[in-house]
């Protein structure tokens, strides 16, 4: 009986850790989505030509 109780306690602790990790990953994903993105309007260079805006990824900006 004691071994079963210990196994159940360990199982519940593992489930709790996995749930917390999933919540943390979801929180990081939400934070990444809420970051401001690069300017979306076309840019004009010194010669007056329109250029595409520079896009940065979260990895590049960190």
PDB file of N, CA and C in Angstrom:
ATOM      1  N   UNK A   1       0.824  -1.188   0.000  1.00  0.00           N
ATOM      2  CA  UNK A   1       0.000   0.000   0.000  1.00  0.00           C
ATOM      3  C   UNK A   1       0.875   1.261   0.000  1.00  0.00           C
ATOM      4  N   UNK A   2       1.940   1.242   0.765  1.00  0.00           N
ATOM      5  CA  UNK A   2       2.818   2.405   0.844  1.00  0.00           C
ATOM      6  C   UNK A   2       3.466   2.675  -0.510  1.00  0.00           C
ATOM      7  N   UNK A   3       3.885   1.636  -1.229  1.00  0.00           N
ATOM      8  CA  UNK A   3       4.497   1.808  -2.558  1.00  0.00           C
ATOM      9  C   UNK A   3       3.502   2.424  -3.531  1.00  0.00           C
ATOM     10  N   UNK A   4       2.251   2.011  -3.450  1.00  0.00           N
ATOM     11  CA  UNK A   4       1.225   2.576  -4.322  1.00  0.00           C
ATOM     12  C   UNK A   4       1.004   4.057  -4.010  1.00  0.00           C
ATOM     13  N   UNK A   5       0.982   4.413  -2.760  1.00  0.00           N
ATOM     14  CA  UNK A   5       0.803   5.805  -2.350  1.00  0.00           C
ATOM     15  C   UNK A   5       1.962   6.664  -2.848  1.00  0.00           C
ATOM     16  N   UNK A   6       3.180   6.145  -2.712  1.00  0.00           N
ATOM     17  CA  UNK A   6       4.358   6.883  -3.174  1.00  0.00           C
ATOM     18  C   UNK A   6       4.317   7.041  -4.692  1.00  0.00           C
ATOM     19  N   UNK A   7       3.971   5.988  -5.404  1.00  0.00           N
ATOM     20  CA  UNK A   7       3.891   6.057  -6.867  1.00  0.00           C
ATOM     21  C   UNK A   7       2.838   7.066  -7.308  1.00  0.00           C
ATOM     22  N   UNK A   8       1.706   7.073  -6.636  1.00  0.00           N
ATOM     23  CA  UNK A   8       0.646   8.019  -6.982  1.00  0.00           C
ATOM     24  C   UNK A   8       1.105   9.453  -6.718  1.00  0.00           C
ATOM     25  N   UNK A   9       1.797   9.685  -5.619  1.00  0.00           N
ATOM     26  CA  UNK A   9       2.303  11.018  -5.299  1.00  0.00           C
ATOM     27  C   UNK A   9       3.296  11.484  -6.368  1.00  0.00           C
ATOM     28  N   UNK A  10       4.205  10.582  -6.779  1.00  0.00           N
ATOM     29  CA  UNK A  10       5.178  10.931  -7.816  1.00  0.00           C
ATOM     30  C   UNK A  10       4.483  11.220  -9.141  1.00  0.00           C
ATOM     31  N   UNK A  11       3.478  10.435  -9.476  1.00  0.00           N
ATOM     32  CA  UNK A  11       2.714  10.634 -10.711  1.00  0.00           C
ATOM     33  C   UNK A  11       2.048  12.015 -10.698  1.00  0.00           C
ATOM     34  N   UNK A  12       1.429  12.351  -9.576  1.00  0.00           N
ATOM     35  CA  UNK A  12       0.760  13.652  -9.469  1.00  0.00           C
ATOM     36  C   UNK A  12       1.758  14.801  -9.559  1.00  0.00           C
ATOM     37  N   UNK A  13       2.932  14.640  -8.975  1.00  0.00           N
ATOM     38  CA  UNK A  13       3.956  15.677  -9.054  1.00  0.00           C
ATOM     39  C   UNK A  13       4.420  15.859 -10.496  1.00  0.00           C
ATOM     40  N   UNK A  14       4.593  14.743 -11.222  1.00  0.00           N
ATOM     41  CA  UNK A  14       5.011  14.820 -12.628  1.00  0.00           C
ATOM     42  C   UNK A  14       3.941  15.524 -13.468  1.00  0.00           C
ATOM     43  N   UNK A  15       2.692  15.184 -13.247  1.00  0.00           N
ATOM     44  CA  UNK A  15       1.603  15.845 -13.971  1.00  0.00           C
ATOM     45  C   UNK A  15       1.588  17.340 -13.685  1.00  0.00           C
ATOM     46  N   UNK A  16       1.806  17.711 -12.429  1.00  0.00           N
ATOM     47  CA  UNK A  16       1.822  19.123 -12.045  1.00  0.00           C
ATOM     48  C   UNK A  16       2.968  19.856 -12.748  1.00  0.00           C
ATOM     49  N   UNK A  17       4.155  19.230 -12.785  1.00  0.00           N
ATOM     50  CA  UNK A  17       5.297  19.850 -13.470  1.00  0.00           C
ATOM     51  C   UNK A  17       5.013  20.032 -14.957  1.00  0.00           C
ATOM     52  N   UNK A  18       4.452  19.007 -15.588  1.00  0.00           N
ATOM     53  CA  UNK A  18       4.145  19.100 -17.015  1.00  0.00           C
ATOM     54  C   UNK A  18       3.115  20.185 -17.288  1.00  0.00           C
ATOM     55  N   UNK A  19       2.125  20.307 -16.433  1.00  0.00           N
ATOM     56  CA  UNK A  19       1.101  21.341 -16.599  1.00  0.00           C
ATOM     57  C   UNK A  19       1.720  22.730 -16.452  1.00  0.00           C
ATOM     58  N   UNK A  20       2.599  22.907 -15.469  1.00  0.00           N
ATOM     59  CA  UNK A  20       3.261  24.192 -15.274  1.00  0.00           C
ATOM     60  C   UNK A  20       4.154  24.545 -16.458  1.00  0.00           C
ATOM     61  N   UNK A  21       4.868  23.547 -17.000  1.00  0.00           N
ATOM     62  CA  UNK A  21       5.712  23.796 -18.169  1.00  0.00           C
ATOM     63  C   UNK A  21       4.873  24.197 -19.375  1.00  0.00           C
ATOM     64  N   UNK A  22       3.733  23.537 -19.566  1.00  0.00           N
ATOM     65  CA  UNK A  22       2.847  23.873 -20.688  1.00  0.00           C
ATOM     66  C   UNK A  22       2.308  25.295 -20.528  1.00  0.00           C
ATOM     67  N   UNK A  23       1.945  25.672 -19.303  1.00  0.00           N
ATOM     68  CA  UNK A  23       1.460  27.026 -19.059  1.00  0.00           C
ATOM     69  C   UNK A  23       2.559  28.052 -19.315  1.00  0.00           C
ATOM     70  N   UNK A  24       3.776  27.716 -18.943  1.00  0.00           N
ATOM     71  CA  UNK A  24       4.904  28.620 -19.173  1.00  0.00           C
ATOM     72  C   UNK A  24       5.153  28.794 -20.669  1.00  0.00           C
ATOM     73  N   UNK A  25       5.132  27.687 -21.427  1.00  0.00           N
ATOM     74  CA  UNK A  25       5.324  27.777 -22.882  1.00  0.00           C
ATOM     75  C   UNK A  25       4.215  28.603 -23.529  1.00  0.00           C
ATOM     76  N   UNK A  26       2.983  28.423 -23.067  1.00  0.00           N
ATOM     77  CA  UNK A  26       1.862  29.197 -23.608  1.00  0.00           C
ATOM     78  C   UNK A  26       2.036  30.677 -23.287  1.00  0.00           C
ATOM     79  N   UNK A  27       2.523  30.966 -22.097  1.00  0.00           N
ATOM     80  CA  UNK A  27       2.767  32.355 -21.706  1.00  0.00           C
ATOM     81  C   UNK A  27       3.840  32.986 -22.590  1.00  0.00           C
ATOM     82  N   UNK A  28       4.907  32.247 -22.865  1.00  0.00           N
ATOM     83  CA  UNK A  28       5.958  32.750 -23.741  1.00  0.00           C
ATOM     84  C   UNK A  28       5.435  32.981 -25.156  1.00  0.00           C
ATOM     85  N   UNK A  29       4.594  32.081 -25.627  1.00  0.00           N
ATOM     86  CA  UNK A  29       4.029  32.229 -26.972  1.00  0.00           C
ATOM     87  C   UNK A  29       3.142  33.467 -27.046  1.00  0.00           C
ATOM     88  N   UNK A  30       2.332  33.689 -26.016  1.00  0.00           N
ATOM     89  CA  UNK A  30       1.474  34.883 -25.994  1.00  0.00           C
ATOM     90  C   UNK A  30       2.318  36.145 -25.967  1.00  0.00           C
ATOM     91  N   UNK A  31       3.387  36.136 -25.195  1.00  0.00           N
ATOM     92  CA  UNK A  31       4.259  37.308 -25.110  1.00  0.00           C
ATOM     93  C   UNK A  31       4.917  37.578 -26.457  1.00  0.00           C
ATOM     94  N   UNK A  32       5.325  36.537 -27.152  1.00  0.00           N
ATOM     95  CA  UNK A  32       5.961  36.709 -28.462  1.00  0.00           C
ATOM     96  C   UNK A  32       4.961  37.276 -29.472  1.00  0.00           C
ATOM     97  N   UNK A  33       3.711  36.875 -29.384  1.00  0.00           N
ATOM     98  CA  UNK A  33       2.696  37.374 -30.312  1.00  0.00           C
ATOM     99  C   UNK A  33       2.347  38.830 -30.042  1.00  0.00           C
ATOM    100  N   UNK A  34       2.504  39.274 -28.816  1.00  0.00           N
ATOM    101  CA  UNK A  34       2.114  40.649 -28.489  1.00  0.00           C
ATOM    102  C   UNK A  34       3.237  41.659 -28.734  1.00  0.00           C
ATOM    103  N   UNK A  35       4.420  41.183 -29.104  1.00  0.00           N
ATOM    104  CA  UNK A  35       5.522  42.113 -29.396  1.00  0.00           C
ATOM    105  C   UNK A  35       5.212  42.925 -30.645  1.00  0.00           C
ATOM    106  N   UNK A  36       5.593  44.186 -30.665  1.00  0.00           N
ATOM    107  CA  UNK A  36       5.361  44.994 -31.867  1.00  0.00           C
ATOM    108  C   UNK A  36       6.195  44.471 -33.036  1.00  0.00           C
ATOM    109  N   UNK A  37       5.625  44.527 -34.191  1.00  0.00           N
ATOM    110  CA  UNK A  37       6.303  44.067 -35.405  1.00  0.00           C
ATOM    111  C   UNK A  37       6.962  45.240 -36.111  1.00  0.00           C
ATOM    112  N   UNK A  38       7.741  44.928 -37.129  1.00  0.00           N
ATOM    113  CA  UNK A  38       8.433  45.956 -37.911  1.00  0.00           C
ATOM    114  C   UNK A  38       7.414  46.866 -38.590  1.00  0.00           C
ATOM    115  N   UNK A  39       7.836  48.019 -38.973  1.00  0.00           N
ATOM    116  CA  UNK A  39       6.998  48.997 -39.661  1.00  0.00           C
ATOM    117  C   UNK A  39       6.435  48.363 -40.928  1.00  0.00           C
ATOM    118  N   UNK A  40       5.159  48.545 -41.192  1.00  0.00           N
ATOM    119  CA  UNK A  40       4.545  47.868 -42.328  1.00  0.00           C
ATOM    120  C   UNK A  40       4.374  48.760 -43.560  1.00  0.00           C
ATOM    121  N   UNK A  41       4.643  50.061 -43.452  1.00  0.00           N
ATOM    122  CA  UNK A  41       4.517  50.942 -44.604  1.00  0.00           C
ATOM    123  C   UNK A  41       5.782  50.862 -45.458  1.00  0.00           C
ATOM    124  N   UNK A  42       5.674  51.058 -46.772  1.00  0.00           N
ATOM    125  CA  UNK A  42       6.878  51.026 -47.606  1.00  0.00           C
ATOM    126  C   UNK A  42       7.821  52.173 -47.256  1.00  0.00           C
ATOM    127  N   UNK A  43       9.098  51.923 -47.414  1.00  0.00           N
ATOM    128  CA  UNK A  43      10.120  52.932 -47.124  1.00  0.00           C
ATOM    129  C   UNK A  43      10.623  53.531 -48.423  1.00  0.00           C
ATOM    130  N   UNK A  44      11.033  54.774 -48.379  1.00  0.00           N
ATOM    131  CA  UNK A  44      11.582  55.435 -49.558  1.00  0.00           C
ATOM    132  C   UNK A  44      13.057  55.719 -49.283  1.00  0.00           C
ATOM    133  N   UNK A  45      13.917  55.288 -50.212  1.00  0.00           N
ATOM    134  CA  UNK A  45      15.351  55.517 -50.016  1.00  0.00           C
ATOM    135  C   UNK A  45      15.733  56.917 -50.510  1.00  0.00           C
ATOM    136  N   UNK A  46      17.012  57.250 -50.440  1.00  0.00           N
ATOM    137  CA  UNK A  46      17.484  58.591 -50.802  1.00  0.00           C
ATOM    138  C   UNK A  46      17.180  58.933 -52.264  1.00  0.00           C
ATOM    139  N   UNK A  47      17.113  57.922 -53.135  1.00  0.00           N
ATOM    140  CA  UNK A  47      16.839  58.170 -54.551  1.00  0.00           C
ATOM    141  C   UNK A  47      15.345  58.274 -54.831  1.00  0.00           C
ATOM    142  N   UNK A  48      14.527  58.116 -53.802  1.00  0.00           N
ATOM    143  CA  UNK A  48      13.078  58.215 -53.991  1.00  0.00           C
ATOM    144  C   UNK A  48      12.422  56.910 -54.398  1.00  0.00           C
ATOM    145  N   UNK A  49      13.164  55.799 -54.354  1.00  0.00           N
ATOM    146  CA  UNK A  49      12.608  54.492 -54.704  1.00  0.00           C
ATOM    147  C   UNK A  49      12.003  53.836 -53.472  1.00  0.00           C
ATOM    148  N   UNK A  50      10.902  53.146 -53.701  1.00  0.00           N
ATOM    149  CA  UNK A  50      10.228  52.461 -52.598  1.00  0.00           C
ATOM    150  C   UNK A  50      10.926  51.135 -52.332  1.00  0.00           C
ATOM    151  N   UNK A  51      11.163  50.855 -51.047  1.00  0.00           N
ATOM    152  CA  UNK A  51      11.792  49.606 -50.627  1.00  0.00           C
ATOM    153  C   UNK A  51      10.858  48.881 -49.670  1.00  0.00           C
ATOM    154  N   UNK A  52      11.027  47.573 -49.595  1.00  0.00           N
ATOM    155  CA  UNK A  52      10.239  46.789 -48.646  1.00  0.00           C
ATOM    156  C   UNK A  52      10.732  47.082 -47.233  1.00  0.00           C
ATOM    157  N   UNK A  53       9.831  47.087 -46.247  1.00  0.00           N
ATOM    158  CA  UNK A  53      10.265  47.317 -44.867  1.00  0.00           C
ATOM    159  C   UNK A  53      11.125  46.169 -44.375  1.00  0.00           C
ATOM    160  N   UNK A  54      12.001  46.437 -43.431  1.00  0.00           N
ATOM    161  CA  UNK A  54      12.814  45.400 -42.836  1.00  0.00           C
ATOM    162  C   UNK A  54      11.985  44.664 -41.808  1.00  0.00           C
ATOM    163  N   UNK A  55      11.951  43.354 -41.905  1.00  0.00           N
ATOM    164  CA  UNK A  55      11.228  42.529 -40.942  1.00  0.00           C
ATOM    165  C   UNK A  55      12.249  41.878 -40.018  1.00  0.00           C
ATOM    166  N   UNK A  56      11.956  41.890 -38.749  1.00  0.00           N
ATOM    167  CA  UNK A  56      12.835  41.215 -37.817  1.00  0.00           C
ATOM    168  C   UNK A  56      12.049  40.111 -37.120  1.00  0.00           C
ATOM    169  N   UNK A  57      12.729  39.055 -36.821  1.00  0.00           N
ATOM    170  CA  UNK A  57      12.118  37.986 -36.070  1.00  0.00           C
ATOM    171  C   UNK A  57      12.475  38.176 -34.606  1.00  0.00           C
ATOM    172  N   UNK A  58      11.725  37.570 -33.672  1.00  0.00           N
ATOM    173  CA  UNK A  58      12.058  37.733 -32.268  1.00  0.00           C
ATOM    174  C   UNK A  58      13.485  37.301 -31.950  1.00  0.00           C
ATOM    175  N   UNK A  59      13.998  36.269 -32.636  1.00  0.00           N
ATOM    176  CA  UNK A  59      15.357  35.809 -32.376  1.00  0.00           C
ATOM    177  C   UNK A  59      16.392  36.860 -32.794  1.00  0.00           C
ATOM    178  N   UNK A  60      16.127  37.600 -33.867  1.00  0.00           N
ATOM    179  CA  UNK A  60      17.054  38.610 -34.339  1.00  0.00           C
ATOM    180  C   UNK A  60      17.085  39.826 -33.430  1.00  0.00           C
ATOM    181  N   UNK A  61      15.966  40.143 -32.817  1.00  0.00           N
ATOM    182  CA  UNK A  61      15.895  41.351 -32.021  1.00  0.00           C
ATOM    183  C   UNK A  61      16.382  41.143 -30.588  1.00  0.00           C
ATOM    184  N   UNK A  62      16.628  39.915 -30.210  1.00  0.00           N
ATOM    185  CA  UNK A  62      17.069  39.649 -28.827  1.00  0.00           C
ATOM    186  C   UNK A  62      18.555  39.634 -28.723  1.00  0.00           C
TER     187      UNK A  62
END
